[in-house]
Each structure stands twice: as structure tokens, then as C-alpha cells.
Amino acid sequence: MFEKMNLDEMGKLLEKAQEESRKLEAEMQSKTYVAKAGGGMLCITMSGKGEVIDISIDNSLLQDKASLEILLISCINDVNKMLEDDKKNSVAGMFGSMGNLFGQK
């Protein structure tokens, strides 16, 4: 696998991988993710950093604490899953585009 690579080439490829990683991280941090629950009665927006940046709750939910708690849990889990899935897909895409790192096509 490494027979045809010299250390100079490997260093350049590793630098490229680091640069791609930095770009991916910056891109992820600039994104926002939105999940809705209860037919849109609850909406949570999360940044690419994993911080909740907005919560919108329909007034009718304020009268039913149990339903609000269930919807909050569901919505938070959904938006976290969106973020994690996007991260995984982005990383997989980055490594897929660098398949030639070790001479793979």
C-alpha cells in the first residue's frame, strides 16, 4: 500500500486531509438544523456546533406539561440526530473524495 509513496507525498496528502477537515468543520458550524414536533407546535433550531439557538412553543402546549415534555424530548432527539447524521455523511464524503490518498480509485 505504501510502496509507491515517498514521505514527501504522504506529508502533502496529510496536509490536504487536515485542510479538508478544517473546511468541513467550518462548514458544519455555519449550518443550522430545525426539527418540529406535534405537527409544528414545537420547533427547535440547533447550530452546527450543537447549541440550541431557538425554541418555538405553541401557546396551547403551555397548558399540558406532560405533552410538552414528551414533544421536547422528541424534538431535541430529532435535531441532534439530524446534526450527527450530517456530520457522519460529511466525513464519509470527505474520505470518499480522498480515496486516492493511498492510490485507491
Protein backbone atom coordinates (compact mmCIF):
# COMPACT_ATOMS: atom_id res chain seq x y z
CA MET A 1 0.00 0.00 0.00
CA PHE A 2 2.81 2.44 0.85
CA GLU A 3 5.43 1.01 -1.50
CA LYS A 4 4.98 3.64 -4.21
CA MET A 5 4.64 6.64 -1.87
CA ASN A 6 7.50 8.67 -0.60
CA LEU A 7 7.35 10.58 2.67
CA ASP A 8 7.06 13.90 0.85
CA GLU A 9 3.93 12.75 -0.97
CA MET A 10 2.45 11.37 2.24
CA GLY A 11 3.11 14.68 4.01
CA LYS A 12 1.32 16.58 1.25
CA LEU A 13 -1.64 14.23 1.38
CA LEU A 14 -1.88 14.55 5.15
CA GLU A 15 -1.79 18.34 4.85
CA LYS A 16 -4.61 18.11 2.31
CA ALA A 17 -6.61 15.91 4.69
CA GLN A 18 -6.12 18.42 7.52
CA GLU A 19 -7.22 21.30 5.29
CA GLU A 20 -10.31 19.39 4.18
CA SER A 21 -11.08 18.64 7.82
CA ARG A 22 -10.84 22.33 8.74
CA LYS A 23 -13.12 23.27 5.84
CA LEU A 24 -15.62 20.61 6.86
CA GLU A 25 -15.64 21.81 10.46
CA ALA A 26 -16.20 25.43 9.41
CA GLU A 27 -18.98 24.38 7.05
CA MET A 28 -20.68 22.30 9.74
CA GLN A 29 -20.52 25.15 12.26
CA SER A 30 -22.22 27.53 9.83
CA LYS A 31 -25.25 25.26 9.37
CA THR A 32 -28.48 25.22 11.31
CA TYR A 33 -30.81 22.29 11.87
CA VAL A 34 -34.54 22.53 12.54
CA ALA A 35 -36.80 19.84 13.97
CA LYS A 36 -40.53 20.09 14.55
CA ALA A 37 -42.83 18.01 16.73
CA GLY A 38 -46.52 17.92 17.43
CA GLY A 39 -47.46 18.94 13.92
CA GLY A 40 -45.26 22.03 14.15
CA MET A 41 -46.48 23.08 17.60
CA LEU A 42 -42.90 22.79 18.84
CA CYS A 43 -39.85 23.80 16.83
CA ILE A 44 -36.20 23.62 17.87
CA THR A 45 -33.30 25.12 15.93
CA MET A 46 -29.76 23.95 16.63
CA SER A 47 -26.46 25.31 15.34
CA GLY A 48 -23.83 23.13 13.72
CA LYS A 49 -21.93 23.44 16.98
CA GLY A 50 -24.70 21.52 18.72
CA GLU A 51 -26.12 24.52 20.57
CA VAL A 52 -29.87 25.08 20.76
CA ILE A 53 -30.36 28.57 19.34
CA ASP A 54 -34.15 28.82 19.23
CA ILE A 55 -37.23 27.12 20.62
CA SER A 56 -40.73 27.96 19.49
CA ILE A 57 -43.64 26.58 21.53
CA ASP A 58 -47.29 26.97 20.57
CA ASN A 59 -49.25 28.55 23.43
CA SER A 60 -51.66 25.61 23.54
CA LEU A 61 -48.84 23.35 24.74
CA LEU A 62 -48.29 25.51 27.82
CA GLN A 63 -51.47 24.07 29.34
CA ASP A 64 -50.31 20.44 29.01
CA LYS A 65 -46.96 19.95 30.74
CA ALA A 66 -46.75 16.20 30.07
CA SER A 67 -47.29 16.62 26.33
CA LEU A 68 -44.81 19.48 26.19
CA GLU A 69 -42.16 17.39 27.94
CA ILE A 70 -42.69 14.47 25.54
CA LEU A 71 -42.55 16.74 22.50
CA LEU A 72 -39.41 18.50 23.79
CA ILE A 73 -37.62 15.18 24.25
CA SER A 74 -38.67 14.00 20.80
CA CYS A 75 -37.76 17.25 19.09
CA ILE A 76 -34.36 17.55 20.81
CA ASN A 77 -33.53 13.95 19.87
CA ASP A 78 -34.60 14.57 16.27
CA VAL A 79 -32.50 17.70 15.83
CA ASN A 80 -29.48 16.02 17.47
CA LYS A 81 -29.86 13.08 15.09
CA MET A 82 -30.01 15.44 12.10
CA LEU A 83 -26.76 17.07 13.20
CA GLU A 84 -24.98 13.77 13.85
CA ASP A 85 -26.17 12.22 10.59
CA ASP A 86 -25.00 15.27 8.65
CA LYS A 87 -21.59 15.09 10.35
CA LYS A 88 -21.23 11.39 9.52
CA ASN A 89 -22.27 11.93 5.91
CA SER A 90 -19.94 14.88 5.50
CA VAL A 91 -16.97 13.00 6.94
CA ALA A 92 -17.76 9.96 4.80
CA GLY A 93 -17.94 12.23 1.76
CA MET A 94 -14.63 13.84 2.63
CA PHE A 95 -12.89 10.49 2.94
CA GLY A 96 -14.62 9.18 -0.16
CA SER A 97 -13.29 12.10 -2.18
CA MET A 98 -9.83 11.39 -0.85
CA GLY A 99 -9.89 7.73 -1.95
CA ASN A 100 -6.73 8.37 -3.91
CA LEU A 101 -4.91 9.01 -0.64
CA PHE A 102 -3.44 5.53 -0.87
CA GLY A 103 -3.80 5.06 -4.59
CA GLN A 104 -7.36 3.73 -4.45
CA LYS A 105 -9.77 4.55 -7.24
